Amino acid sequence: MKKLLTFVLLVMLACLFLDKVGGSDMHMQFNGDEIDGPLEWLFGLVFAGGGLLVAAIALVCAAVVTGVVLAGVGVVLIAVLALCVVLVLALSTPVLLPLLIPVAIVWLIVSRKHKQAQAHQHSL
């Protein structure tokens, strides 16, 4: 199937190429002069390819600039988000103080038991 598909694509490209070579319906003007002759299609393809190359370069440059701008905006947004989190934590500390006292007591009890268990293991 791959060989058949490749063959069909090559035949289609050859037909298109031969249509452009033999076709005389292409008219091109360069600096006000009409270019004709057997290589008229070649000049048209070269100039069209040059336009596509310029367009591709412009798209790449636009993508790079957009990426840099959006990356900068992302860094600023992350900094603003971190600042908001710190501000919310700072404002909620007095409200959380009654909750932190029992947590601190439990933490001290657990850490003392942990230290006693380690001291018991070192003595063995």
PDB file of N, CA and C in Angstrom:
ATOM      1  N   MET A   1       0.829  -1.191   0.000  1.00  0.00           N
ATOM      2  CA  MET A   1       0.000   0.000   0.000  1.00  0.00           C
ATOM      3  C   MET A   1       0.873   1.255   0.000  1.00  0.00           C
ATOM      4  N   LYS A   2       1.984   1.228   0.750  1.00  0.00           N
ATOM      5  CA  LYS A   2       2.862   2.403   0.784  1.00  0.00           C
ATOM      6  C   LYS A   2       3.483   2.664  -0.579  1.00  0.00           C
ATOM      7  N   LYS A   3       3.877   1.592  -1.258  1.00  0.00           N
ATOM      8  CA  LYS A   3       4.488   1.764  -2.583  1.00  0.00           C
ATOM      9  C   LYS A   3       3.477   2.315  -3.574  1.00  0.00           C
ATOM     10  N   LEU A   4       2.241   1.829  -3.490  1.00  0.00           N
ATOM     11  CA  LEU A   4       1.194   2.308  -4.387  1.00  0.00           C
ATOM     12  C   LEU A   4       0.900   3.784  -4.124  1.00  0.00           C
ATOM     13  N   LEU A   5       0.826   4.169  -2.839  1.00  0.00           N
ATOM     14  CA  LEU A   5       0.573   5.563  -2.495  1.00  0.00           C
ATOM     15  C   LEU A   5       1.705   6.459  -2.979  1.00  0.00           C
ATOM     16  N   THR A   6       2.935   6.014  -2.804  1.00  0.00           N
ATOM     17  CA  THR A   6       4.086   6.790  -3.278  1.00  0.00           C
ATOM     18  C   THR A   6       4.044   6.937  -4.790  1.00  0.00           C
ATOM     19  N   PHE A   7       3.720   5.869  -5.488  1.00  0.00           N
ATOM     20  CA  PHE A   7       3.651   5.915  -6.946  1.00  0.00           C
ATOM     21  C   PHE A   7       2.547   6.869  -7.406  1.00  0.00           C
ATOM     22  N   VAL A   8       1.394   6.803  -6.770  1.00  0.00           N
ATOM     23  CA  VAL A   8       0.286   7.685  -7.150  1.00  0.00           C
ATOM     24  C   VAL A   8       0.660   9.142  -6.910  1.00  0.00           C
ATOM     25  N   LEU A   9       1.307   9.433  -5.784  1.00  0.00           N
ATOM     26  CA  LEU A   9       1.733  10.811  -5.508  1.00  0.00           C
ATOM     27  C   LEU A   9       2.752  11.297  -6.526  1.00  0.00           C
ATOM     28  N   LEU A  10       3.677  10.449  -6.906  1.00  0.00           N
ATOM     29  CA  LEU A  10       4.666  10.840  -7.912  1.00  0.00           C
ATOM     30  C   LEU A  10       4.014  11.090  -9.266  1.00  0.00           C
ATOM     31  N   VAL A  11       3.055  10.258  -9.638  1.00  0.00           N
ATOM     32  CA  VAL A  11       2.353  10.461 -10.909  1.00  0.00           C
ATOM     33  C   VAL A  11       1.561  11.760 -10.873  1.00  0.00           C
ATOM     34  N   MET A  12       0.913  12.056  -9.742  1.00  0.00           N
ATOM     35  CA  MET A  12       0.154  13.303  -9.632  1.00  0.00           C
ATOM     36  C   MET A  12       1.078  14.515  -9.719  1.00  0.00           C
ATOM     37  N   LEU A  13       2.207  14.463  -9.040  1.00  0.00           N
ATOM     38  CA  LEU A  13       3.157  15.579  -9.114  1.00  0.00           C
ATOM     39  C   LEU A  13       3.713  15.735 -10.525  1.00  0.00           C
ATOM     40  N   ALA A  14       3.986  14.616 -11.207  1.00  0.00           N
ATOM     41  CA  ALA A  14       4.482  14.687 -12.584  1.00  0.00           C
ATOM     42  C   ALA A  14       3.425  15.302 -13.497  1.00  0.00           C
ATOM     43  N   CYS A  15       2.160  14.934 -13.304  1.00  0.00           N
ATOM     44  CA  CYS A  15       1.089  15.512 -14.124  1.00  0.00           C
ATOM     45  C   CYS A  15       0.959  17.015 -13.882  1.00  0.00           C
ATOM     46  N   LEU A  16       1.033  17.424 -12.622  1.00  0.00           N
ATOM     47  CA  LEU A  16       0.977  18.852 -12.322  1.00  0.00           C
ATOM     48  C   LEU A  16       2.160  19.596 -12.914  1.00  0.00           C
ATOM     49  N   PHE A  17       3.334  19.010 -12.826  1.00  0.00           N
ATOM     50  CA  PHE A  17       4.542  19.632 -13.373  1.00  0.00           C
ATOM     51  C   PHE A  17       4.425  19.773 -14.884  1.00  0.00           C
ATOM     52  N   LEU A  18       3.981  18.712 -15.543  1.00  0.00           N
ATOM     53  CA  LEU A  18       3.857  18.770 -16.998  1.00  0.00           C
ATOM     54  C   LEU A  18       2.760  19.747 -17.421  1.00  0.00           C
ATOM     55  N   ASP A  19       1.726  19.879 -16.615  1.00  0.00           N
ATOM     56  CA  ASP A  19       0.680  20.859 -16.923  1.00  0.00           C
ATOM     57  C   ASP A  19       1.237  22.274 -16.854  1.00  0.00           C
ATOM     58  N   LYS A  20       2.079  22.538 -15.894  1.00  0.00           N
ATOM     59  CA  LYS A  20       2.652  23.878 -15.765  1.00  0.00           C
ATOM     60  C   LYS A  20       3.699  24.149 -16.845  1.00  0.00           C
ATOM     61  N   VAL A  21       4.432  23.133 -17.241  1.00  0.00           N
ATOM     62  CA  VAL A  21       5.446  23.327 -18.279  1.00  0.00           C
ATOM     63  C   VAL A  21       4.778  23.591 -19.624  1.00  0.00           C
ATOM     64  N   GLY A  22       3.776  22.793 -19.934  1.00  0.00           N
ATOM     65  CA  GLY A  22       3.125  22.929 -21.228  1.00  0.00           C
ATOM     66  C   GLY A  22       2.078  24.015 -21.266  1.00  0.00           C
ATOM     67  N   GLY A  23       1.620  24.472 -20.124  1.00  0.00           N
ATOM     68  CA  GLY A  23       0.553  25.464 -20.100  1.00  0.00           C
ATOM     69  C   GLY A  23       1.064  26.839 -20.458  1.00  0.00           C
ATOM     70  N   SER A  24       0.292  27.545 -21.257  1.00  0.00           N
ATOM     71  CA  SER A  24       0.703  28.903 -21.640  1.00  0.00           C
ATOM     72  C   SER A  24      -0.246  29.933 -21.057  1.00  0.00           C
ATOM     73  N   ASP A  25      -1.034  29.541 -20.069  1.00  0.00           N
ATOM     74  CA  ASP A  25      -1.993  30.471 -19.492  1.00  0.00           C
ATOM     75  C   ASP A  25      -1.395  31.307 -18.365  1.00  0.00           C
ATOM     76  N   MET A  26      -0.119  31.083 -18.057  1.00  0.00           N
ATOM     77  CA  MET A  26       0.523  31.845 -16.993  1.00  0.00           C
ATOM     78  C   MET A  26       1.158  33.096 -17.590  1.00  0.00           C
ATOM     79  N   HIS A  27       0.791  34.256 -17.050  1.00  0.00           N
ATOM     80  CA  HIS A  27       1.368  35.521 -17.503  1.00  0.00           C
ATOM     81  C   HIS A  27       2.032  36.177 -16.311  1.00  0.00           C
ATOM     82  N   MET A  28       3.260  36.594 -16.500  1.00  0.00           N
ATOM     83  CA  MET A  28       4.001  37.200 -15.411  1.00  0.00           C
ATOM     84  C   MET A  28       4.617  38.505 -15.889  1.00  0.00           C
ATOM     85  N   GLN A  29       4.507  39.514 -15.058  1.00  0.00           N
ATOM     86  CA  GLN A  29       5.118  40.794 -15.384  1.00  0.00           C
ATOM     87  C   GLN A  29       6.156  41.105 -14.316  1.00  0.00           C
ATOM     88  N   PHE A  30       7.318  41.505 -14.779  1.00  0.00           N
ATOM     89  CA  PHE A  30       8.415  41.845 -13.878  1.00  0.00           C
ATOM     90  C   PHE A  30       8.947  43.204 -14.295  1.00  0.00           C
ATOM     91  N   ASN A  31       8.832  44.199 -13.429  1.00  0.00           N
ATOM     92  CA  ASN A  31       9.230  45.580 -13.707  1.00  0.00           C
ATOM     93  C   ASN A  31       8.527  46.135 -14.943  1.00  0.00           C
ATOM     94  N   GLY A  32       7.266  45.775 -15.100  1.00  0.00           N
ATOM     95  CA  GLY A  32       6.486  46.292 -16.212  1.00  0.00           C
ATOM     96  C   GLY A  32       6.659  45.522 -17.504  1.00  0.00           C
ATOM     97  N   ASP A  33       7.619  44.634 -17.588  1.00  0.00           N
ATOM     98  CA  ASP A  33       7.832  43.834 -18.794  1.00  0.00           C
ATOM     99  C   ASP A  33       7.210  42.461 -18.601  1.00  0.00           C
ATOM    100  N   GLU A  34       6.531  41.989 -19.634  1.00  0.00           N
ATOM    101  CA  GLU A  34       5.935  40.656 -19.555  1.00  0.00           C
ATOM    102  C   GLU A  34       7.001  39.623 -19.897  1.00  0.00           C
ATOM    103  N   ILE A  35       7.124  38.659 -19.023  1.00  0.00           N
ATOM    104  CA  ILE A  35       8.109  37.593 -19.228  1.00  0.00           C
ATOM    105  C   ILE A  35       7.382  36.421 -19.849  1.00  0.00           C
ATOM    106  N   ASP A  36       7.921  35.941 -20.959  1.00  0.00           N
ATOM    107  CA  ASP A  36       7.319  34.784 -21.591  1.00  0.00           C
ATOM    108  C   ASP A  36       8.429  33.864 -22.076  1.00  0.00           C
ATOM    109  N   GLY A  37       8.061  32.806 -22.682  1.00  0.00           N
ATOM    110  CA  GLY A  37       9.044  31.845 -23.160  1.00  0.00           C
ATOM    111  C   GLY A  37       8.914  30.544 -22.407  1.00  0.00           C
ATOM    112  N   PRO A  38       9.813  29.623 -22.685  1.00  0.00           N
ATOM    113  CA  PRO A  38       9.689  28.294 -22.072  1.00  0.00           C
ATOM    114  C   PRO A  38       9.955  28.284 -20.573  1.00  0.00           C
ATOM    115  N   LEU A  39      10.646  29.272 -20.046  1.00  0.00           N
ATOM    116  CA  LEU A  39      10.971  29.276 -18.612  1.00  0.00           C
ATOM    117  C   LEU A  39      10.110  30.254 -17.826  1.00  0.00           C
ATOM    118  N   GLU A  40       9.001  30.683 -18.423  1.00  0.00           N
ATOM    119  CA  GLU A  40       8.121  31.596 -17.714  1.00  0.00           C
ATOM    120  C   GLU A  40       7.593  30.974 -16.425  1.00  0.00           C
ATOM    121  N   TRP A  41       7.217  29.724 -16.447  1.00  0.00           N
ATOM    122  CA  TRP A  41       6.692  29.033 -15.278  1.00  0.00           C
ATOM    123  C   TRP A  41       7.757  28.905 -14.204  1.00  0.00           C
ATOM    124  N   LEU A  42       9.029  28.738 -14.640  1.00  0.00           N
ATOM    125  CA  LEU A  42      10.117  28.613 -13.662  1.00  0.00           C
ATOM    126  C   LEU A  42      10.304  29.919 -12.901  1.00  0.00           C
ATOM    127  N   PHE A  43      10.276  31.042 -13.624  1.00  0.00           N
ATOM    128  CA  PHE A  43      10.386  32.332 -12.948  1.00  0.00           C
ATOM    129  C   PHE A  43       9.221  32.547 -11.979  1.00  0.00           C
ATOM    130  N   GLY A  44       8.029  32.159 -12.407  1.00  0.00           N
ATOM    131  CA  GLY A  44       6.863  32.293 -11.535  1.00  0.00           C
ATOM    132  C   GLY A  44       7.003  31.468 -10.268  1.00  0.00           C
ATOM    133  N   LEU A  45       7.486  30.228 -10.406  1.00  0.00           N
ATOM    134  CA  LEU A  45       7.668  29.383  -9.235  1.00  0.00           C
ATOM    135  C   LEU A  45       8.747  29.918  -8.304  1.00  0.00           C
ATOM    136  N   VAL A  46       9.831  30.444  -8.888  1.00  0.00           N
ATOM    137  CA  VAL A  46      10.923  30.977  -8.059  1.00  0.00           C
ATOM    138  C   VAL A  46      10.449  32.194  -7.274  1.00  0.00           C
ATOM    139  N   PHE A  47       9.746  33.091  -7.953  1.00  0.00           N
ATOM    140  CA  PHE A  47       9.288  34.295  -7.251  1.00  0.00           C
ATOM    141  C   PHE A  47       8.199  33.961  -6.223  1.00  0.00           C
ATOM    142  N   ALA A  48       7.328  33.013  -6.549  1.00  0.00           N
ATOM    143  CA  ALA A  48       6.311  32.599  -5.579  1.00  0.00           C
ATOM    144  C   ALA A  48       6.974  31.911  -4.385  1.00  0.00           C
ATOM    145  N   GLY A  49       7.990  31.090  -4.652  1.00  0.00           N
ATOM    146  CA  GLY A  49       8.728  30.448  -3.554  1.00  0.00           C
ATOM    147  C   GLY A  49       9.432  31.466  -2.684  1.00  0.00           C
ATOM    148  N   GLY A  50       9.964  32.508  -3.294  1.00  0.00           N
ATOM    149  CA  GLY A  50      10.603  33.574  -2.523  1.00  0.00           C
ATOM    150  C   GLY A  50       9.604  34.267  -1.610  1.00  0.00           C
ATOM    151  N   GLY A  51       8.384  34.489  -2.120  1.00  0.00           N
ATOM    152  CA  GLY A  51       7.337  35.091  -1.292  1.00  0.00           C
ATOM    153  C   GLY A  51       6.957  34.193  -0.134  1.00  0.00           C
ATOM    154  N   LEU A  52       6.871  32.889  -0.397  1.00  0.00           N
ATOM    155  CA  LEU A  52       6.566  31.947   0.682  1.00  0.00           C
ATOM    156  C   LEU A  52       7.681  31.910   1.717  1.00  0.00           C
ATOM    157  N   LEU A  53       8.930  32.019   1.266  1.00  0.00           N
ATOM    158  CA  LEU A  53      10.061  32.030   2.198  1.00  0.00           C
ATOM    159  C   LEU A  53      10.008  33.264   3.097  1.00  0.00           C
ATOM    160  N   VAL A  54       9.707  34.418   2.515  1.00  0.00           N
ATOM    161  CA  VAL A  54       9.588  35.649   3.306  1.00  0.00           C
ATOM    162  C   VAL A  54       8.434  35.515   4.306  1.00  0.00           C
ATOM    163  N   ALA A  55       7.317  34.937   3.862  1.00  0.00           N
ATOM    164  CA  ALA A  55       6.178  34.746   4.768  1.00  0.00           C
ATOM    165  C   ALA A  55       6.535  33.792   5.900  1.00  0.00           C
ATOM    166  N   ALA A  56       7.277  32.718   5.615  1.00  0.00           N
ATOM    167  CA  ALA A  56       7.678  31.768   6.656  1.00  0.00           C
ATOM    168  C   ALA A  56       8.597  32.440   7.675  1.00  0.00           C
ATOM    169  N   ILE A  57       9.528  33.251   7.208  1.00  0.00           N
ATOM    170  CA  ILE A  57      10.433  33.964   8.119  1.00  0.00           C
ATOM    171  C   ILE A  57       9.642  34.940   8.991  1.00  0.00           C
ATOM    172  N   ALA A  58       8.671  35.624   8.395  1.00  0.00           N
ATOM    173  CA  ALA A  58       7.850  36.560   9.174  1.00  0.00           C
ATOM    174  C   ALA A  58       7.038  35.821  10.229  1.00  0.00           C
ATOM    175  N   LEU A  59       6.490  34.652   9.887  1.00  0.00           N
ATOM    176  CA  LEU A  59       5.726  33.874  10.871  1.00  0.00           C
ATOM    177  C   LEU A  59       6.602  33.386  12.014  1.00  0.00           C
ATOM    178  N   VAL A  60       7.824  32.965  11.700  1.00  0.00           N
ATOM    179  CA  VAL A  60       8.734  32.511  12.758  1.00  0.00           C
ATOM    180  C   VAL A  60       9.082  33.668  13.686  1.00  0.00           C
ATOM    181  N   CYS A  61       9.368  34.831  13.116  1.00  0.00           N
ATOM    182  CA  CYS A  61       9.692  36.001  13.948  1.00  0.00           C
ATOM    183  C   CYS A  61       8.496  36.393  14.822  1.00  0.00           C
ATOM    184  N   ALA A  62       7.300  36.374  14.249  1.00  0.00           N
ATOM    185  CA  ALA A  62       6.107  36.703  15.032  1.00  0.00           C
ATOM    186  C   ALA A  62       5.893  35.691  16.156  1.00  0.00           C
ATOM    187  N   ALA A  63       6.148  34.414  15.889  1.00  0.00           N
ATOM    188  CA  ALA A  63       5.993  33.390  16.921  1.00  0.00           C
ATOM    189  C   ALA A  63       7.008  33.588  18.046  1.00  0.00           C
ATOM    190  N   VAL A  64       8.241  33.941  17.700  1.00  0.00           N
ATOM    191  CA  VAL A  64       9.269  34.162  18.723  1.00  0.00           C
ATOM    192  C   VAL A  64       8.911  35.368  19.589  1.00  0.00           C
ATOM    193  N   VAL A  65       8.494  36.447  18.957  1.00  0.00           N
ATOM    194  CA  VAL A  65       8.124  37.649  19.720  1.00  0.00           C
ATOM    195  C   VAL A  65       6.924  37.363  20.621  1.00  0.00           C
ATOM    196  N   THR A  66       5.935  36.646  20.090  1.00  0.00           N
ATOM    197  CA  THR A  66       4.762  36.298  20.896  1.00  0.00           C
ATOM    198  C   THR A  66       5.159  35.422  22.078  1.00  0.00           C
ATOM    199  N   GLY A  67       6.038  34.457  21.843  1.00  0.00           N
ATOM    200  CA  GLY A  67       6.498  33.592  22.930  1.00  0.00           C
ATOM    201  C   GLY A  67       7.220  34.369  24.018  1.00  0.00           C
ATOM    202  N   VAL A  68       8.075  35.311  23.616  1.00  0.00           N
ATOM    203  CA  VAL A  68       8.812  36.109  24.604  1.00  0.00           C
ATOM    204  C   VAL A  68       7.848  36.987  25.406  1.00  0.00           C
ATOM    205  N   VAL A  69       6.894  37.606  24.715  1.00  0.00           N
ATOM    206  CA  VAL A  69       5.941  38.476  25.406  1.00  0.00           C
ATOM    207  C   VAL A  69       5.080  37.669  26.373  1.00  0.00           C
ATOM    208  N   LEU A  70       4.578  36.520  25.910  1.00  0.00           N
ATOM    209  CA  LEU A  70       3.724  35.716  26.788  1.00  0.00           C
ATOM    210  C   LEU A  70       4.512  35.108  27.939  1.00  0.00           C
ATOM    211  N   ALA A  71       5.787  34.781  27.719  1.00  0.00           N
ATOM    212  CA  ALA A  71       6.601  34.273  28.817  1.00  0.00           C
ATOM    213  C   ALA A  71       6.802  35.361  29.877  1.00  0.00           C
ATOM    214  N   GLY A  72       7.028  36.585  29.428  1.00  0.00           N
ATOM    215  CA  GLY A  72       7.175  37.688  30.373  1.00  0.00           C
ATOM    216  C   GLY A  72       5.901  37.939  31.151  1.00  0.00           C
ATOM    217  N   VAL A  73       4.770  37.881  30.461  1.00  0.00           N
ATOM    218  CA  VAL A  73       3.482  38.062  31.129  1.00  0.00           C
ATOM    219  C   VAL A  73       3.250  36.930  32.125  1.00  0.00           C
ATOM    220  N   GLY A  74       3.639  35.705  31.764  1.00  0.00           N
ATOM    221  CA  GLY A  74       3.482  34.568  32.675  1.00  0.00           C
ATOM    222  C   GLY A  74       4.298  34.730  33.942  1.00  0.00           C
ATOM    223  N   VAL A  75       5.536  35.221  33.806  1.00  0.00           N
ATOM    224  CA  VAL A  75       6.379  35.436  34.986  1.00  0.00           C
ATOM    225  C   VAL A  75       5.760  36.500  35.889  1.00  0.00           C
ATOM    226  N   VAL A  76       5.251  37.561  35.291  1.00  0.00           N
ATOM    227  CA  VAL A  76       4.618  38.622  36.087  1.00  0.00           C
ATOM    228  C   VAL A  76       3.372  38.074  36.789  1.00  0.00           C
ATOM    229  N   LEU A  77       2.574  37.265  36.076  1.00  0.00           N
ATOM    230  CA  LEU A  77       1.366  36.709  36.701  1.00  0.00           C
ATOM    231  C   LEU A  77       1.700  35.767  37.852  1.00  0.00           C
ATOM    232  N   ILE A  78       2.753  34.968  37.709  1.00  0.00           N
ATOM    233  CA  ILE A  78       3.156  34.078  38.801  1.00  0.00           C
ATOM    234  C   ILE A  78       3.630  34.889  40.005  1.00  0.00           C
ATOM    235  N   ALA A  79       4.368  35.971  39.760  1.00  0.00           N
ATOM    236  CA  ALA A  79       4.820  36.824  40.864  1.00  0.00           C
ATOM    237  C   ALA A  79       3.631  37.475  41.565  1.00  0.00           C
ATOM    238  N   VAL A  80       2.655  37.938  40.804  1.00  0.00           N
ATOM    239  CA  VAL A  80       1.462  38.548  41.405  1.00  0.00           C
ATOM    240  C   VAL A  80       0.681  37.504  42.201  1.00  0.00           C
ATOM    241  N   LEU A  81       0.570  36.288  41.666  1.00  0.00           N
ATOM    242  CA  LEU A  81      -0.133  35.224  42.377  1.00  0.00           C
ATOM    243  C   LEU A  81       0.578  34.875  43.687  1.00  0.00           C
ATOM    244  N   ALA A  82       1.903  34.791  43.677  1.00  0.00           N
ATOM    245  CA  ALA A  82       2.662  34.507  44.898  1.00  0.00           C
ATOM    246  C   ALA A  82       2.472  35.633  45.923  1.00  0.00           C
ATOM    247  N   LEU A  83       2.470  36.865  45.453  1.00  0.00           N
ATOM    248  CA  LEU A  83       2.254  37.997  46.351  1.00  0.00           C
ATOM    249  C   LEU A  83       0.859  37.943  46.975  1.00  0.00           C
ATOM    250  N   CYS A  84      -0.143  37.573  46.193  1.00  0.00           N
ATOM    251  CA  CYS A  84      -1.511  37.446  46.723  1.00  0.00           C
ATOM    252  C   CYS A  84      -1.594  36.339  47.764  1.00  0.00           C
ATOM    253  N   VAL A  85      -0.920  35.222  47.534  1.00  0.00           N
ATOM    254  CA  VAL A  85      -0.932  34.123  48.506  1.00  0.00           C
ATOM    255  C   VAL A  85      -0.281  34.566  49.812  1.00  0.00           C
ATOM    256  N   VAL A  86       0.853  35.243  49.714  1.00  0.00           N
ATOM    257  CA  VAL A  86       1.529  35.734  50.919  1.00  0.00           C
ATOM    258  C   VAL A  86       0.645  36.738  51.651  1.00  0.00           C
ATOM    259  N   LEU A  87      -0.022  37.605  50.903  1.00  0.00           N
ATOM    260  CA  LEU A  87      -0.904  38.596  51.520  1.00  0.00           C
ATOM    261  C   LEU A  87      -2.088  37.926  52.218  1.00  0.00           C
ATOM    262  N   VAL A  88      -2.680  36.926  51.587  1.00  0.00           N
ATOM    263  CA  VAL A  88      -3.808  36.209  52.203  1.00  0.00           C
ATOM    264  C   VAL A  88      -3.347  35.483  53.458  1.00  0.00           C
ATOM    265  N   LEU A  89      -2.189  34.849  53.410  1.00  0.00           N
ATOM    266  CA  LEU A  89      -1.671  34.176  54.604  1.00  0.00           C
ATOM    267  C   LEU A  89      -1.372  35.164  55.723  1.00  0.00           C
ATOM    268  N   ALA A  90      -0.819  36.324  55.361  1.00  0.00           N
ATOM    269  CA  ALA A  90      -0.520  37.323  56.386  1.00  0.00           C
ATOM    270  C   ALA A  90      -1.799  37.864  57.020  1.00  0.00           C
ATOM    271  N   LEU A  91      -2.843  38.048  56.212  1.00  0.00           N
ATOM    272  CA  LEU A  91      -4.095  38.570  56.762  1.00  0.00           C
ATOM    273  C   LEU A  91      -4.874  37.524  57.545  1.00  0.00           C
ATOM    274  N   SER A  92      -4.680  36.242  57.232  1.00  0.00           N
ATOM    275  CA  SER A  92      -5.440  35.202  57.916  1.00  0.00           C
ATOM    276  C   SER A  92      -4.713  34.635  59.136  1.00  0.00           C
ATOM    277  N   THR A  93      -3.525  35.090  59.433  1.00  0.00           N
ATOM    278  CA  THR A  93      -2.771  34.571  60.577  1.00  0.00           C
ATOM    279  C   THR A  93      -3.492  34.815  61.901  1.00  0.00           C
ATOM    280  N   PRO A  94      -4.027  35.988  62.189  1.00  0.00           N
ATOM    281  CA  PRO A  94      -4.738  36.167  63.466  1.00  0.00           C
ATOM    282  C   PRO A  94      -5.954  35.252  63.593  1.00  0.00           C
ATOM    283  N   VAL A  95      -6.616  34.954  62.500  1.00  0.00           N
ATOM    284  CA  VAL A  95      -7.782  34.071  62.535  1.00  0.00           C
ATOM    285  C   VAL A  95      -7.343  32.633  62.781  1.00  0.00           C
ATOM    286  N   LEU A  96      -6.197  32.252  62.251  1.00  0.00           N
ATOM    287  CA  LEU A  96      -5.714  30.881  62.379  1.00  0.00           C
ATOM    288  C   LEU A  96      -4.980  30.617  63.684  1.00  0.00           C
ATOM    289  N   LEU A  97      -4.693  31.647  64.466  1.00  0.00           N
ATOM    290  CA  LEU A  97      -3.930  31.460  65.699  1.00  0.00           C
ATOM    291  C   LEU A  97      -4.605  30.498  66.675  1.00  0.00           C
ATOM    292  N   PRO A  98      -5.909  30.564  66.901  1.00  0.00           N
ATOM    293  CA  PRO A  98      -6.525  29.568  67.795  1.00  0.00           C
ATOM    294  C   PRO A  98      -6.391  28.135  67.276  1.00  0.00           C
ATOM    295  N   LEU A  99      -6.324  27.966  65.962  1.00  0.00           N
ATOM    296  CA  LEU A  99      -6.128  26.623  65.406  1.00  0.00           C
ATOM    297  C   LEU A  99      -4.671  26.171  65.508  1.00  0.00           C
ATOM    298  N   LEU A 100      -3.757  27.116  65.501  1.00  0.00           N
ATOM    299  CA  LEU A 100      -2.339  26.758  65.533  1.00  0.00           C
ATOM    300  C   LEU A 100      -1.870  26.333  66.916  1.00  0.00           C
ATOM    301  N   ILE A 101      -2.521  26.788  67.957  1.00  0.00           N
ATOM    302  CA  ILE A 101      -2.098  26.430  69.322  1.00  0.00           C
ATOM    303  C   ILE A 101      -2.250  24.929  69.558  1.00  0.00           C
ATOM    304  N   PRO A 102      -3.390  24.293  69.270  1.00  0.00           N
ATOM    305  CA  PRO A 102      -3.460  22.834  69.462  1.00  0.00           C
ATOM    306  C   PRO A 102      -2.506  22.072  68.531  1.00  0.00           C
ATOM    307  N   VAL A 103      -2.327  22.568  67.321  1.00  0.00           N
ATOM    308  CA  VAL A 103      -1.396  21.908  66.391  1.00  0.00           C
ATOM    309  C   VAL A 103       0.021  21.971  66.954  1.00  0.00           C
ATOM    310  N   ALA A 104       0.421  23.095  67.539  1.00  0.00           N
ATOM    311  CA  ALA A 104       1.761  23.225  68.111  1.00  0.00           C
ATOM    312  C   ALA A 104       1.924  22.292  69.309  1.00  0.00           C
ATOM    313  N   ILE A 105       0.902  22.144  70.131  1.00  0.00           N
ATOM    314  CA  ILE A 105       0.978  21.242  71.299  1.00  0.00           C
ATOM    315  C   ILE A 105       1.144  19.797  70.838  1.00  0.00           C
ATOM    316  N   VAL A 106       0.348  19.391  69.838  1.00  0.00           N
ATOM    317  CA  VAL A 106       0.464  18.019  69.319  1.00  0.00           C
ATOM    318  C   VAL A 106       1.840  17.805  68.696  1.00  0.00           C
ATOM    319  N   TRP A 107       2.334  18.805  67.997  1.00  0.00           N
ATOM    320  CA  TRP A 107       3.647  18.689  67.362  1.00  0.00           C
ATOM    321  C   TRP A 107       4.741  18.521  68.412  1.00  0.00           C
ATOM    322  N   LEU A 108       4.680  19.272  69.497  1.00  0.00           N
ATOM    323  CA  LEU A 108       5.674  19.151  70.559  1.00  0.00           C
ATOM    324  C   LEU A 108       5.626  17.770  71.209  1.00  0.00           C
ATOM    325  N   ILE A 109       4.431  17.262  71.456  1.00  0.00           N
ATOM    326  CA  ILE A 109       4.303  15.929  72.078  1.00  0.00           C
ATOM    327  C   ILE A 109       4.884  14.858  71.162  1.00  0.00           C
ATOM    328  N   VAL A 110       4.556  14.928  69.888  1.00  0.00           N
ATOM    329  CA  VAL A 110       5.055  13.923  68.942  1.00  0.00           C
ATOM    330  C   VAL A 110       6.572  14.028  68.795  1.00  0.00           C
ATOM    331  N   SER A 111       7.098  15.234  68.758  1.00  0.00           N
ATOM    332  CA  SER A 111       8.551  15.382  68.613  1.00  0.00           C
ATOM    333  C   SER A 111       9.293  14.899  69.862  1.00  0.00           C
ATOM    334  N   ARG A 112       8.710  15.097  71.064  1.00  0.00           N
ATOM    335  CA  ARG A 112       9.351  14.597  72.287  1.00  0.00           C
ATOM    336  C   ARG A 112       9.369  13.075  72.296  1.00  0.00           C
ATOM    337  N   LYS A 113       8.245  12.448  71.882  1.00  0.00           N
ATOM    338  CA  LYS A 113       8.219  10.992  71.822  1.00  0.00           C
ATOM    339  C   LYS A 113       9.210  10.474  70.793  1.00  0.00           C
ATOM    340  N   HIS A 114       9.332  11.195  69.694  1.00  0.00           N
ATOM    341  CA  HIS A 114      10.276  10.789  68.645  1.00  0.00           C
ATOM    342  C   HIS A 114      11.721  10.904  69.151  1.00  0.00           C
ATOM    343  N   LYS A 115      12.028  11.980  69.895  1.00  0.00           N
ATOM    344  CA  LYS A 115      13.378  12.149  70.444  1.00  0.00           C
ATOM    345  C   LYS A 115      13.677  11.078  71.495  1.00  0.00           C
ATOM    346  N   GLN A 116      12.686  10.754  72.299  1.00  0.00           N
ATOM    347  CA  GLN A 116      12.890   9.709  73.313  1.00  0.00           C
ATOM    348  C   GLN A 116      13.112   8.357  72.643  1.00  0.00           C
ATOM    349  N   ALA A 117      12.393   8.073  71.568  1.00  0.00           N
ATOM    350  CA  ALA A 117      12.573   6.797  70.862  1.00  0.00           C
ATOM    351  C   ALA A 117      13.963   6.735  70.237  1.00  0.00           C
ATOM    352  N   GLN A 118      14.449   7.833  69.689  1.00  0.00           N
ATOM    353  CA  GLN A 118      15.795   7.856  69.105  1.00  0.00           C
ATOM    354  C   GLN A 118      16.856   7.691  70.185  1.00  0.00           C
ATOM    355  N   ALA A 119      16.679   8.338  71.343  1.00  0.00           N
ATOM    356  CA  ALA A 119      17.644   8.206  72.422  1.00  0.00           C
ATOM    357  C   ALA A 119      17.648   6.779  72.936  1.00  0.00           C
ATOM    358  N   HIS A 120      16.519   6.147  72.975  1.00  0.00           N
ATOM    359  CA  HIS A 120      16.443   4.737  73.427  1.00  0.00           C
ATOM    360  C   HIS A 120      17.149   3.815  72.425  1.00  0.00           C
ATOM    361  N   GLN A 121      17.023   4.091  71.140  1.00  0.00           N
ATOM    362  CA  GLN A 121      17.686   3.269  70.126  1.00  0.00           C
ATOM    363  C   GLN A 121      19.202   3.462  70.193  1.00  0.00           C
ATOM    364  N   HIS A 122      19.680   4.691  70.417  1.00  0.00           N
ATOM    365  CA  HIS A 122      21.118   4.951  70.489  1.00  0.00           C
ATOM    366  C   HIS A 122      21.752   4.299  71.726  1.00  0.00           C
ATOM    367  N   SER A 123      20.988   4.182  72.784  1.00  0.00           N
ATOM    368  CA  SER A 123      21.537   3.582  74.003  1.00  0.00           C
ATOM    369  C   SER A 123      21.667   2.071  73.864  1.00  0.00           C
ATOM    370  N   LEU A 124      20.937   1.442  72.938  1.00  0.00           N
ATOM    371  CA  LEU A 124      21.034   0.004  72.759  1.00  0.00           C
ATOM    372  C   LEU A 124      22.232  -0.268  71.944  1.00  0.00           C
TER     373      LEU A 124
END
